[in-house]
Amino acid sequence: MTNDESPRCYFAVYADPTTPGHVTIEGGQFGNRAMPKNMDVGDMVLLYCTSSYVGYAKSVPGIGLVTAVDHGIKDFWYDYLAFEEPVPLEFVRMTVTEEDRLRVANIRHEWLFQISRESFSAVMQATKLRSRGAKSKTVQKLL
């Protein structure tokens, strides 16, 4: 079940950044007309890239730690923390909760949505298993 206590966790979907109006995950900004009203500074976002995103296709290459939110223009800004290796979508689907698995299955229709802390943490744990090196202290605190 999705938790509404701070910090909240989200899943943001990025398509081809060369398409007009699209941005890169490293750019630290995301806008979505359906931005959750409860999104706030300190929330965490899994950053997913669709098959059209060259270099990170169908994977989560990192997370964003939300640093600013503007509900008026429906944008938020974040500090980008890259994983040593992107987490493939197939692995994400296996690790998230059943409720979140249904939402991840519909990413063509939902470009930004809240997920449970359990799902966020499971993906973060997967990066630890896949990593050969130590994570930053910031990421370790999130777990």
C-alpha atoms as a PDB file:
ATOM      1  CA  MET A   1       0.000   0.000   0.000  1.00  0.00           C
ATOM      2  CA  THR A   2       1.239   3.485  -0.859  1.00  0.00           C
ATOM      3  CA  ASN A   3       2.412   5.474   2.147  1.00  0.00           C
ATOM      4  CA  ASP A   4       1.484   9.163   2.416  1.00  0.00           C
ATOM      5  CA  GLU A   5       4.017  10.003   5.128  1.00  0.00           C
ATOM      6  CA  SER A   6       7.086  11.958   4.110  1.00  0.00           C
ATOM      7  CA  PRO A   7       9.267  11.124   2.323  1.00  0.00           C
ATOM      8  CA  ARG A   8       7.011   9.714  -0.376  1.00  0.00           C
ATOM      9  CA  CYS A   9       8.283   7.622  -3.282  1.00  0.00           C
ATOM     10  CA  TYR A  10       7.450   8.035  -6.957  1.00  0.00           C
ATOM     11  CA  PHE A  11       8.125   6.488 -10.345  1.00  0.00           C
ATOM     12  CA  ALA A  12       8.816   8.917 -13.217  1.00  0.00           C
ATOM     13  CA  VAL A  13       8.965   7.851 -16.862  1.00  0.00           C
ATOM     14  CA  TYR A  14      11.355   9.475 -19.330  1.00  0.00           C
ATOM     15  CA  ALA A  15      11.084   9.034 -23.100  1.00  0.00           C
ATOM     16  CA  ASP A  16      13.513   9.989 -25.872  1.00  0.00           C
ATOM     17  CA  PRO A  17      15.202  13.200 -24.632  1.00  0.00           C
ATOM     18  CA  THR A  18      15.870  14.350 -28.204  1.00  0.00           C
ATOM     19  CA  THR A  19      12.122  14.762 -28.803  1.00  0.00           C
ATOM     20  CA  PRO A  20      11.067  18.439 -28.592  1.00  0.00           C
ATOM     21  CA  GLY A  21       9.871  19.298 -25.094  1.00  0.00           C
ATOM     22  CA  HIS A  22      11.506  16.270 -23.456  1.00  0.00           C
ATOM     23  CA  VAL A  23      14.373  16.406 -20.954  1.00  0.00           C
ATOM     24  CA  THR A  24      17.201  14.130 -19.808  1.00  0.00           C
ATOM     25  CA  ILE A  25      17.209  12.311 -16.490  1.00  0.00           C
ATOM     26  CA  GLU A  26      20.505  13.989 -15.622  1.00  0.00           C
ATOM     27  CA  GLY A  27      18.889  17.410 -16.122  1.00  0.00           C
ATOM     28  CA  GLY A  28      17.226  17.275 -12.715  1.00  0.00           C
ATOM     29  CA  GLN A  29      13.769  18.491 -13.739  1.00  0.00           C
ATOM     30  CA  PHE A  30      10.455  16.780 -14.497  1.00  0.00           C
ATOM     31  CA  GLY A  31       7.066  18.199 -15.389  1.00  0.00           C
ATOM     32  CA  ASN A  32       3.759  16.362 -15.542  1.00  0.00           C
ATOM     33  CA  ARG A  33       0.214  17.657 -15.728  1.00  0.00           C
ATOM     34  CA  ALA A  34      -0.879  14.880 -13.367  1.00  0.00           C
ATOM     35  CA  MET A  35       1.767  15.698 -10.736  1.00  0.00           C
ATOM     36  CA  PRO A  36       0.592  14.421  -7.331  1.00  0.00           C
ATOM     37  CA  LYS A  37      -0.639  17.206  -5.055  1.00  0.00           C
ATOM     38  CA  ASN A  38       1.269  15.705  -2.117  1.00  0.00           C
ATOM     39  CA  MET A  39       4.720  15.736  -3.795  1.00  0.00           C
ATOM     40  CA  ASP A  40       7.187  17.725  -1.683  1.00  0.00           C
ATOM     41  CA  VAL A  41      10.855  18.462  -1.111  1.00  0.00           C
ATOM     42  CA  GLY A  42      12.635  15.403   0.270  1.00  0.00           C
ATOM     43  CA  ASP A  43      10.545  12.888  -1.682  1.00  0.00           C
ATOM     44  CA  MET A  44      12.351  10.261  -3.780  1.00  0.00           C
ATOM     45  CA  VAL A  45      11.788   9.269  -7.391  1.00  0.00           C
ATOM     46  CA  LEU A  46      12.820   6.184  -9.353  1.00  0.00           C
ATOM     47  CA  LEU A  47      13.772   7.503 -12.802  1.00  0.00           C
ATOM     48  CA  TYR A  48      12.730   5.073 -15.537  1.00  0.00           C
ATOM     49  CA  CYS A  49      13.699   5.340 -19.209  1.00  0.00           C
ATOM     50  CA  THR A  50      11.473   3.935 -21.962  1.00  0.00           C
ATOM     51  CA  SER A  51      12.751   1.899 -24.907  1.00  0.00           C
ATOM     52  CA  SER A  52      13.196   5.147 -26.887  1.00  0.00           C
ATOM     53  CA  TYR A  53      15.745   6.531 -24.392  1.00  0.00           C
ATOM     54  CA  VAL A  54      19.093   5.601 -25.943  1.00  0.00           C
ATOM     55  CA  GLY A  55      21.668   4.403 -23.422  1.00  0.00           C
ATOM     56  CA  TYR A  56      19.206   3.509 -20.655  1.00  0.00           C
ATOM     57  CA  ALA A  57      16.376   1.808 -22.591  1.00  0.00           C
ATOM     58  CA  LYS A  58      13.841  -0.014 -20.379  1.00  0.00           C
ATOM     59  CA  SER A  59      15.749   0.546 -17.153  1.00  0.00           C
ATOM     60  CA  VAL A  60      16.022   2.640 -14.006  1.00  0.00           C
ATOM     61  CA  PRO A  61      19.494   4.238 -14.159  1.00  0.00           C
ATOM     62  CA  GLY A  62      19.134   6.173 -10.911  1.00  0.00           C
ATOM     63  CA  ILE A  63      16.980   8.123  -8.496  1.00  0.00           C
ATOM     64  CA  GLY A  64      16.066  11.730  -7.946  1.00  0.00           C
ATOM     65  CA  LEU A  65      15.965  13.378  -4.518  1.00  0.00           C
ATOM     66  CA  VAL A  66      13.348  16.123  -4.824  1.00  0.00           C
ATOM     67  CA  THR A  67      14.819  19.558  -4.043  1.00  0.00           C
ATOM     68  CA  ALA A  68      12.006  21.878  -5.218  1.00  0.00           C
ATOM     69  CA  VAL A  69       8.363  21.584  -6.262  1.00  0.00           C
ATOM     70  CA  ASP A  70       6.166  24.076  -8.106  1.00  0.00           C
ATOM     71  CA  HIS A  71       2.577  22.835  -8.057  1.00  0.00           C
ATOM     72  CA  GLY A  72       1.459  25.853 -10.104  1.00  0.00           C
ATOM     73  CA  ILE A  73       3.429  24.851 -13.198  1.00  0.00           C
ATOM     74  CA  LYS A  74       3.451  21.156 -12.189  1.00  0.00           C
ATOM     75  CA  ASP A  75       7.236  20.760 -12.247  1.00  0.00           C
ATOM     76  CA  PHE A  76       9.688  19.422  -9.721  1.00  0.00           C
ATOM     77  CA  TRP A  77      13.475  19.505  -9.511  1.00  0.00           C
ATOM     78  CA  TYR A  78      15.787  16.881  -8.073  1.00  0.00           C
ATOM     79  CA  ASP A  79      19.374  15.918  -7.433  1.00  0.00           C
ATOM     80  CA  TYR A  80      20.220  12.988  -9.701  1.00  0.00           C
ATOM     81  CA  LEU A  81      22.009  10.007  -8.162  1.00  0.00           C
ATOM     82  CA  ALA A  82      23.076   7.438 -10.752  1.00  0.00           C
ATOM     83  CA  PHE A  83      23.262   3.738 -10.014  1.00  0.00           C
ATOM     84  CA  GLU A  84      26.490   1.990 -10.872  1.00  0.00           C
ATOM     85  CA  GLU A  85      24.431  -0.153 -13.258  1.00  0.00           C
ATOM     86  CA  PRO A  86      20.879   0.594 -14.452  1.00  0.00           C
ATOM     87  CA  VAL A  87      18.214  -1.755 -13.069  1.00  0.00           C
ATOM     88  CA  PRO A  88      16.350  -3.473 -15.941  1.00  0.00           C
ATOM     89  CA  LEU A  89      12.569  -3.102 -16.128  1.00  0.00           C
ATOM     90  CA  GLU A  90      12.104  -6.880 -15.871  1.00  0.00           C
ATOM     91  CA  PHE A  91      13.921  -6.855 -12.540  1.00  0.00           C
ATOM     92  CA  VAL A  92      11.898  -3.845 -11.312  1.00  0.00           C
ATOM     93  CA  ARG A  93       8.689  -5.716 -12.135  1.00  0.00           C
ATOM     94  CA  MET A  94       9.856  -8.718 -10.084  1.00  0.00           C
ATOM     95  CA  THR A  95      10.826  -6.691  -7.007  1.00  0.00           C
ATOM     96  CA  VAL A  96       7.933  -4.234  -6.572  1.00  0.00           C
ATOM     97  CA  THR A  97       4.728  -5.019  -4.676  1.00  0.00           C
ATOM     98  CA  GLU A  98       1.719  -6.472  -6.500  1.00  0.00           C
ATOM     99  CA  GLU A  99      -0.113  -3.130  -6.343  1.00  0.00           C
ATOM    100  CA  ASP A 100       2.865  -1.275  -7.823  1.00  0.00           C
ATOM    101  CA  ARG A 101       3.457  -4.023 -10.405  1.00  0.00           C
ATOM    102  CA  LEU A 102       0.068  -3.192 -11.931  1.00  0.00           C
ATOM    103  CA  ARG A 103       0.990   0.493 -12.167  1.00  0.00           C
ATOM    104  CA  VAL A 104       4.411  -0.249 -13.641  1.00  0.00           C
ATOM    105  CA  ALA A 105       2.677  -2.458 -16.220  1.00  0.00           C
ATOM    106  CA  ASN A 106       0.721   0.644 -17.356  1.00  0.00           C
ATOM    107  CA  ILE A 107       3.662   3.020 -17.752  1.00  0.00           C
ATOM    108  CA  ARG A 108       2.478   3.882 -21.269  1.00  0.00           C
ATOM    109  CA  HIS A 109      -0.476   5.630 -19.634  1.00  0.00           C
ATOM    110  CA  GLU A 110       1.028   6.917 -16.393  1.00  0.00           C
ATOM    111  CA  TRP A 111       4.207   8.977 -16.588  1.00  0.00           C
ATOM    112  CA  LEU A 112       4.472   9.899 -12.915  1.00  0.00           C
ATOM    113  CA  PHE A 113       2.900   8.023 -10.027  1.00  0.00           C
ATOM    114  CA  GLN A 114       3.422   7.275  -6.378  1.00  0.00           C
ATOM    115  CA  ILE A 115       4.756   3.880  -5.339  1.00  0.00           C
ATOM    116  CA  SER A 116       5.145   2.293  -1.938  1.00  0.00           C
ATOM    117  CA  ARG A 117       8.277   2.665   0.141  1.00  0.00           C
ATOM    118  CA  GLU A 118       8.498  -1.122   0.083  1.00  0.00           C
ATOM    119  CA  SER A 119       8.776  -1.109  -3.728  1.00  0.00           C
ATOM    120  CA  PHE A 120      11.249   1.790  -3.759  1.00  0.00           C
ATOM    121  CA  SER A 121      13.386   0.067  -1.145  1.00  0.00           C
ATOM    122  CA  ALA A 122      13.290  -3.252  -3.034  1.00  0.00           C
ATOM    123  CA  VAL A 123      14.663  -1.587  -6.184  1.00  0.00           C
ATOM    124  CA  MET A 124      17.320   0.189  -4.098  1.00  0.00           C
ATOM    125  CA  GLN A 125      18.313  -3.132  -2.514  1.00  0.00           C
ATOM    126  CA  ALA A 126      18.633  -4.567  -6.023  1.00  0.00           C
ATOM    127  CA  THR A 127      21.157  -1.870  -6.878  1.00  0.00           C
ATOM    128  CA  LYS A 128      23.215  -2.881  -3.856  1.00  0.00           C
ATOM    129  CA  LEU A 129      23.205  -6.476  -5.053  1.00  0.00           C
ATOM    130  CA  ARG A 130      24.222  -5.404  -8.560  1.00  0.00           C
ATOM    131  CA  SER A 131      26.863  -2.917  -7.426  1.00  0.00           C
ATOM    132  CA  ARG A 132      30.522  -3.725  -7.044  1.00  0.00           C
ATOM    133  CA  GLY A 133      31.323  -0.527  -5.160  1.00  0.00           C
ATOM    134  CA  ALA A 134      30.056   1.402  -2.173  1.00  0.00           C
ATOM    135  CA  LYS A 135      27.035   3.670  -2.609  1.00  0.00           C
ATOM    136  CA  SER A 136      27.041   7.276  -1.547  1.00  0.00           C
ATOM    137  CA  LYS A 137      26.140   7.980   2.076  1.00  0.00           C
ATOM    138  CA  THR A 138      22.969   9.745   0.917  1.00  0.00           C
ATOM    139  CA  VAL A 139      21.667   6.639  -0.825  1.00  0.00           C
ATOM    140  CA  GLN A 140      22.632   4.383   2.079  1.00  0.00           C
ATOM    141  CA  LYS A 141      20.580   6.579   4.450  1.00  0.00           C
ATOM    142  CA  LEU A 142      17.491   6.109   2.239  1.00  0.00           C
ATOM    143  CA  LEU A 143      17.541   2.394   2.821  1.00  0.00           C
END
